[in-house]
Every structure is written in C-alpha cells, then in structure tokens.
Amino acid sequence: YACGRWPEHHPTPDTSMMNSWFNEKTEKVTWRIRELLRQNLTNVPWAVTQAQILFNSCVNI
C-alpha cells in the first residue's frame, strides 16, 4: 500500500478517528482473546483458568 491506497481498502471505522494496520490487528487479537476467555475450556493451563475466572467476574456484573 505504498501507493497510498490503504484508506480505500481499509475505511476508518465510525468509532475511530483513524485506522492503521496496528489498530486492525489489535482489535482482531482483542476480539479473539475475549472469545477464547468466554469458552468453557477444559485441560488448559492454570494461568488460562485464572484469566477466565477474572474475565468472567468482570463481564458478569
């Protein structure tokens, strides 16, 4: 996208003032982590279980 066509192929979301590769990747990773933490996974490392507990305590207010 050195030709300056990035904005044409990646429009700025209504919730943001700008858009960049980094912002797109950050949003995608954040969404994926939330999806993983919402799942009822078994046989996962202790740290993942703790992250799920913390996440669920924050979203189930």
PDB file of N, CA and C in Angstrom:
ATOM      1  N   TYR A   1       0.805  -1.196   0.000  1.00  0.00           N
ATOM      2  CA  TYR A   1       0.000   0.000   0.000  1.00  0.00           C
ATOM      3  C   TYR A   1       0.849   1.262   0.000  1.00  0.00           C
ATOM      4  N   ALA A   2       2.041   1.137  -0.507  1.00  0.00           N
ATOM      5  CA  ALA A   2       2.899   2.312  -0.617  1.00  0.00           C
ATOM      6  C   ALA A   2       2.330   3.318  -1.609  1.00  0.00           C
ATOM      7  N   CYS A   3       1.377   2.875  -2.418  1.00  0.00           N
ATOM      8  CA  CYS A   3       0.765   3.750  -3.416  1.00  0.00           C
ATOM      9  C   CYS A   3      -0.264   4.690  -2.793  1.00  0.00           C
ATOM     10  N   GLY A   4      -0.519   4.549  -1.496  1.00  0.00           N
ATOM     11  CA  GLY A   4      -1.478   5.424  -0.831  1.00  0.00           C
ATOM     12  C   GLY A   4      -2.916   4.946  -0.906  1.00  0.00           C
ATOM     13  N   ARG A   5      -3.122   3.684  -1.244  1.00  0.00           N
ATOM     14  CA  ARG A   5      -4.478   3.161  -1.383  1.00  0.00           C
ATOM     15  C   ARG A   5      -4.985   2.457  -0.124  1.00  0.00           C
ATOM     16  N   TRP A   6      -4.229   2.530   0.973  1.00  0.00           N
ATOM     17  CA  TRP A   6      -4.653   1.909   2.225  1.00  0.00           C
ATOM     18  C   TRP A   6      -6.046   2.388   2.639  1.00  0.00           C
ATOM     19  N   PRO A   7      -6.297   3.703   2.685  1.00  0.00           N
ATOM     20  CA  PRO A   7      -7.629   4.161   3.112  1.00  0.00           C
ATOM     21  C   PRO A   7      -8.763   3.646   2.218  1.00  0.00           C
ATOM     22  N   GLU A   8      -8.486   3.449   0.963  1.00  0.00           N
ATOM     23  CA  GLU A   8      -9.504   2.950   0.038  1.00  0.00           C
ATOM     24  C   GLU A   8      -9.920   1.522   0.388  1.00  0.00           C
ATOM     25  N   HIS A   9      -8.968   0.710   0.799  1.00  0.00           N
ATOM     26  CA  HIS A   9      -9.236  -0.699   1.104  1.00  0.00           C
ATOM     27  C   HIS A   9      -9.525  -0.949   2.584  1.00  0.00           C
ATOM     28  N   HIS A  10      -9.226   0.025   3.427  1.00  0.00           N
ATOM     29  CA  HIS A  10      -9.424  -0.107   4.872  1.00  0.00           C
ATOM     30  C   HIS A  10     -10.060   1.171   5.406  1.00  0.00           C
ATOM     31  N   PRO A  11     -11.368   1.335   5.224  1.00  0.00           N
ATOM     32  CA  PRO A  11     -12.020   2.568   5.681  1.00  0.00           C
ATOM     33  C   PRO A  11     -11.950   2.714   7.199  1.00  0.00           C
ATOM     34  N   THR A  12     -11.941   3.942   7.652  1.00  0.00           N
ATOM     35  CA  THR A  12     -11.890   4.235   9.077  1.00  0.00           C
ATOM     36  C   THR A  12     -13.228   3.873   9.715  1.00  0.00           C
ATOM     37  N   PRO A  13     -13.209   3.093  10.806  1.00  0.00           N
ATOM     38  CA  PRO A  13     -14.461   2.751  11.484  1.00  0.00           C
ATOM     39  C   PRO A  13     -15.117   4.004  12.068  1.00  0.00           C
ATOM     40  N   ASP A  14     -16.427   3.956  12.235  1.00  0.00           N
ATOM     41  CA  ASP A  14     -17.159   5.090  12.801  1.00  0.00           C
ATOM     42  C   ASP A  14     -16.728   5.399  14.228  1.00  0.00           C
ATOM     43  N   THR A  15     -16.196   4.405  14.916  1.00  0.00           N
ATOM     44  CA  THR A  15     -15.817   4.576  16.319  1.00  0.00           C
ATOM     45  C   THR A  15     -14.401   5.099  16.492  1.00  0.00           C
ATOM     46  N   SER A  16     -13.738   5.434  15.413  1.00  0.00           N
ATOM     47  CA  SER A  16     -12.334   5.832  15.489  1.00  0.00           C
ATOM     48  C   SER A  16     -12.067   7.047  14.611  1.00  0.00           C
ATOM     49  N   MET A  17     -11.006   7.762  14.953  1.00  0.00           N
ATOM     50  CA  MET A  17     -10.593   8.913  14.160  1.00  0.00           C
ATOM     51  C   MET A  17      -9.618   8.511  13.060  1.00  0.00           C
ATOM     52  N   MET A  18      -8.999   7.332  13.220  1.00  0.00           N
ATOM     53  CA  MET A  18      -8.011   6.886  12.250  1.00  0.00           C
ATOM     54  C   MET A  18      -8.030   5.367  12.168  1.00  0.00           C
ATOM     55  N   ASN A  19      -7.351   4.846  11.166  1.00  0.00           N
ATOM     56  CA  ASN A  19      -7.252   3.403  11.001  1.00  0.00           C
ATOM     57  C   ASN A  19      -5.831   3.077  10.565  1.00  0.00           C
ATOM     58  N   SER A  20      -5.306   2.007  11.096  1.00  0.00           N
ATOM     59  CA  SER A  20      -3.961   1.586  10.725  1.00  0.00           C
ATOM     60  C   SER A  20      -3.882   0.069  10.819  1.00  0.00           C
ATOM     61  N   TRP A  21      -2.829  -0.476  10.278  1.00  0.00           N
ATOM     62  CA  TRP A  21      -2.601  -1.915  10.345  1.00  0.00           C
ATOM     63  C   TRP A  21      -2.558  -2.354  11.803  1.00  0.00           C
ATOM     64  N   PHE A  22      -1.854  -1.581  12.630  1.00  0.00           N
ATOM     65  CA  PHE A  22      -1.713  -1.922  14.039  1.00  0.00           C
ATOM     66  C   PHE A  22      -3.072  -1.918  14.736  1.00  0.00           C
ATOM     67  N   ASN A  23      -3.889  -0.918  14.483  1.00  0.00           N
ATOM     68  CA  ASN A  23      -5.218  -0.862  15.102  1.00  0.00           C
ATOM     69  C   ASN A  23      -6.072  -2.052  14.678  1.00  0.00           C
ATOM     70  N   GLU A  24      -6.031  -2.404  13.406  1.00  0.00           N
ATOM     71  CA  GLU A  24      -6.808  -3.551  12.931  1.00  0.00           C
ATOM     72  C   GLU A  24      -6.368  -4.835  13.620  1.00  0.00           C
ATOM     73  N   LYS A  25      -5.072  -5.041  13.727  1.00  0.00           N
ATOM     74  CA  LYS A  25      -4.557  -6.259  14.362  1.00  0.00           C
ATOM     75  C   LYS A  25      -4.872  -6.277  15.851  1.00  0.00           C
ATOM     76  N   THR A  26      -4.758  -5.127  16.507  1.00  0.00           N
ATOM     77  CA  THR A  26      -5.067  -5.043  17.933  1.00  0.00           C
ATOM     78  C   THR A  26      -6.520  -5.410  18.190  1.00  0.00           C
ATOM     79  N   GLU A  27      -7.426  -4.874  17.399  1.00  0.00           N
ATOM     80  CA  GLU A  27      -8.845  -5.189  17.559  1.00  0.00           C
ATOM     81  C   GLU A  27      -9.120  -6.665  17.301  1.00  0.00           C
ATOM     82  N   LYS A  28      -8.475  -7.232  16.298  1.00  0.00           N
ATOM     83  CA  LYS A  28      -8.681  -8.646  15.977  1.00  0.00           C
ATOM     84  C   LYS A  28      -8.178  -9.547  17.110  1.00  0.00           C
ATOM     85  N   VAL A  29      -7.006  -9.248  17.655  1.00  0.00           N
ATOM     86  CA  VAL A  29      -6.449 -10.051  18.748  1.00  0.00           C
ATOM     87  C   VAL A  29      -7.307  -9.906  20.003  1.00  0.00           C
ATOM     88  N   THR A  30      -7.741  -8.685  20.307  1.00  0.00           N
ATOM     89  CA  THR A  30      -8.590  -8.452  21.473  1.00  0.00           C
ATOM     90  C   THR A  30      -9.891  -9.236  21.356  1.00  0.00           C
ATOM     91  N   TRP A  31     -10.512  -9.194  20.173  1.00  0.00           N
ATOM     92  CA  TRP A  31     -11.753  -9.932  19.944  1.00  0.00           C
ATOM     93  C   TRP A  31     -11.521 -11.428  20.132  1.00  0.00           C
ATOM     94  N   ARG A  32     -10.409 -11.945  19.604  1.00  0.00           N
ATOM     95  CA  ARG A  32     -10.106 -13.379  19.693  1.00  0.00           C
ATOM     96  C   ARG A  32      -9.874 -13.811  21.145  1.00  0.00           C
ATOM     97  N   ILE A  33      -9.159 -12.993  21.899  1.00  0.00           N
ATOM     98  CA  ILE A  33      -8.910 -13.315  23.309  1.00  0.00           C
ATOM     99  C   ILE A  33     -10.226 -13.361  24.073  1.00  0.00           C
ATOM    100  N   ARG A  34     -11.092 -12.388  23.842  1.00  0.00           N
ATOM    101  CA  ARG A  34     -12.394 -12.386  24.520  1.00  0.00           C
ATOM    102  C   ARG A  34     -13.196 -13.633  24.173  1.00  0.00           C
ATOM    103  N   GLU A  35     -13.170 -14.027  22.917  1.00  0.00           N
ATOM    104  CA  GLU A  35     -13.890 -15.234  22.512  1.00  0.00           C
ATOM    105  C   GLU A  35     -13.330 -16.466  23.214  1.00  0.00           C
ATOM    106  N   LEU A  36     -12.021 -16.561  23.310  1.00  0.00           N
ATOM    107  CA  LEU A  36     -11.404 -17.712  23.981  1.00  0.00           C
ATOM    108  C   LEU A  36     -11.728 -17.728  25.471  1.00  0.00           C
ATOM    109  N   LEU A  37     -11.722 -16.560  26.103  1.00  0.00           N
ATOM    110  CA  LEU A  37     -11.997 -16.499  27.533  1.00  0.00           C
ATOM    111  C   LEU A  37     -13.464 -16.790  27.843  1.00  0.00           C
ATOM    112  N   ARG A  38     -14.344 -16.550  26.913  1.00  0.00           N
ATOM    113  CA  ARG A  38     -15.771 -16.834  27.121  1.00  0.00           C
ATOM    114  C   ARG A  38     -16.078 -18.327  27.028  1.00  0.00           C
ATOM    115  N   GLN A  39     -15.237 -19.073  26.351  1.00  0.00           N
ATOM    116  CA  GLN A  39     -15.482 -20.503  26.173  1.00  0.00           C
ATOM    117  C   GLN A  39     -15.219 -21.258  27.468  1.00  0.00           C
ATOM    118  N   ASN A  40     -15.933 -22.343  27.642  1.00  0.00           N
ATOM    119  CA  ASN A  40     -15.738 -23.200  28.807  1.00  0.00           C
ATOM    120  C   ASN A  40     -14.720 -24.274  28.435  1.00  0.00           C
ATOM    121  N   LEU A  41     -13.458 -23.917  28.476  1.00  0.00           N
ATOM    122  CA  LEU A  41     -12.387 -24.822  28.062  1.00  0.00           C
ATOM    123  C   LEU A  41     -11.976 -25.725  29.217  1.00  0.00           C
ATOM    124  N   THR A  42     -11.540 -26.922  28.891  1.00  0.00           N
ATOM    125  CA  THR A  42     -11.015 -27.845  29.892  1.00  0.00           C
ATOM    126  C   THR A  42      -9.588 -28.212  29.500  1.00  0.00           C
ATOM    127  N   ASN A  43      -8.873 -28.749  30.452  1.00  0.00           N
ATOM    128  CA  ASN A  43      -7.480 -29.157  30.233  1.00  0.00           C
ATOM    129  C   ASN A  43      -6.619 -28.015  29.704  1.00  0.00           C
ATOM    130  N   VAL A  44      -6.758 -26.864  30.322  1.00  0.00           N
ATOM    131  CA  VAL A  44      -5.944 -25.708  29.946  1.00  0.00           C
ATOM    132  C   VAL A  44      -5.002 -25.388  31.099  1.00  0.00           C
ATOM    133  N   PRO A  45      -3.931 -24.680  30.836  1.00  0.00           N
ATOM    134  CA  PRO A  45      -3.010 -24.317  31.914  1.00  0.00           C
ATOM    135  C   PRO A  45      -3.702 -23.497  33.008  1.00  0.00           C
ATOM    136  N   TRP A  46      -3.140 -23.564  34.198  1.00  0.00           N
ATOM    137  CA  TRP A  46      -3.675 -22.850  35.360  1.00  0.00           C
ATOM    138  C   TRP A  46      -3.857 -21.368  35.059  1.00  0.00           C
ATOM    139  N   ALA A  47      -2.908 -20.752  34.367  1.00  0.00           N
ATOM    140  CA  ALA A  47      -2.985 -19.320  34.070  1.00  0.00           C
ATOM    141  C   ALA A  47      -4.203 -18.990  33.203  1.00  0.00           C
ATOM    142  N   VAL A  48      -4.543 -19.873  32.291  1.00  0.00           N
ATOM    143  CA  VAL A  48      -5.718 -19.650  31.438  1.00  0.00           C
ATOM    144  C   VAL A  48      -6.985 -19.740  32.280  1.00  0.00           C
ATOM    145  N   THR A  49      -7.045 -20.712  33.166  1.00  0.00           N
ATOM    146  CA  THR A  49      -8.195 -20.843  34.059  1.00  0.00           C
ATOM    147  C   THR A  49      -8.359 -19.592  34.908  1.00  0.00           C
ATOM    148  N   GLN A  50      -7.264 -19.084  35.440  1.00  0.00           N
ATOM    149  CA  GLN A  50      -7.321 -17.869  36.254  1.00  0.00           C
ATOM    150  C   GLN A  50      -7.758 -16.663  35.424  1.00  0.00           C
ATOM    151  N   ALA A  51      -7.282 -16.575  34.194  1.00  0.00           N
ATOM    152  CA  ALA A  51      -7.688 -15.480  33.307  1.00  0.00           C
ATOM    153  C   ALA A  51      -9.182 -15.569  33.006  1.00  0.00           C
ATOM    154  N   GLN A  52      -9.693 -16.785  32.811  1.00  0.00           N
ATOM    155  CA  GLN A  52     -11.128 -16.965  32.566  1.00  0.00           C
ATOM    156  C   GLN A  52     -11.948 -16.529  33.776  1.00  0.00           C
ATOM    157  N   ILE A  53     -11.501 -16.892  34.958  1.00  0.00           N
ATOM    158  CA  ILE A  53     -12.212 -16.511  36.182  1.00  0.00           C
ATOM    159  C   ILE A  53     -12.246 -14.989  36.311  1.00  0.00           C
ATOM    160  N   LEU A  54     -11.123 -14.361  36.112  1.00  0.00           N
ATOM    161  CA  LEU A  54     -11.053 -12.902  36.205  1.00  0.00           C
ATOM    162  C   LEU A  54     -11.929 -12.247  35.142  1.00  0.00           C
ATOM    163  N   PHE A  55     -11.831 -12.713  33.918  1.00  0.00           N
ATOM    164  CA  PHE A  55     -12.626 -12.157  32.819  1.00  0.00           C
ATOM    165  C   PHE A  55     -14.113 -12.292  33.117  1.00  0.00           C
ATOM    166  N   ASN A  56     -14.528 -13.484  33.519  1.00  0.00           N
ATOM    167  CA  ASN A  56     -15.947 -13.715  33.789  1.00  0.00           C
ATOM    168  C   ASN A  56     -16.451 -12.904  34.976  1.00  0.00           C
ATOM    169  N   SER A  57     -15.607 -12.647  35.950  1.00  0.00           N
ATOM    170  CA  SER A  57     -16.036 -11.826  37.083  1.00  0.00           C
ATOM    171  C   SER A  57     -16.231 -10.373  36.662  1.00  0.00           C
ATOM    172  N   CYS A  58     -15.538  -9.955  35.630  1.00  0.00           N
ATOM    173  CA  CYS A  58     -15.674  -8.573  35.154  1.00  0.00           C
ATOM    174  C   CYS A  58     -16.865  -8.397  34.220  1.00  0.00           C
ATOM    175  N   VAL A  59     -17.179  -9.393  33.435  1.00  0.00           N
ATOM    176  CA  VAL A  59     -18.253  -9.245  32.455  1.00  0.00           C
ATOM    177  C   VAL A  59     -19.612  -9.682  32.997  1.00  0.00           C
ATOM    178  N   ASN A  60     -19.638 -10.407  34.087  1.00  0.00           N
ATOM    179  CA  ASN A  60     -20.904 -10.854  34.686  1.00  0.00           C
ATOM    180  C   ASN A  60     -21.243 -10.000  35.897  1.00  0.00           C
ATOM    181  N   ILE A  61     -21.441  -8.745  35.659  1.00  0.00           N
ATOM    182  CA  ILE A  61     -21.727  -7.819  36.774  1.00  0.00           C
ATOM    183  C   ILE A  61     -23.196  -7.879  37.127  1.00  0.00           C
TER     184      ILE A  61
END
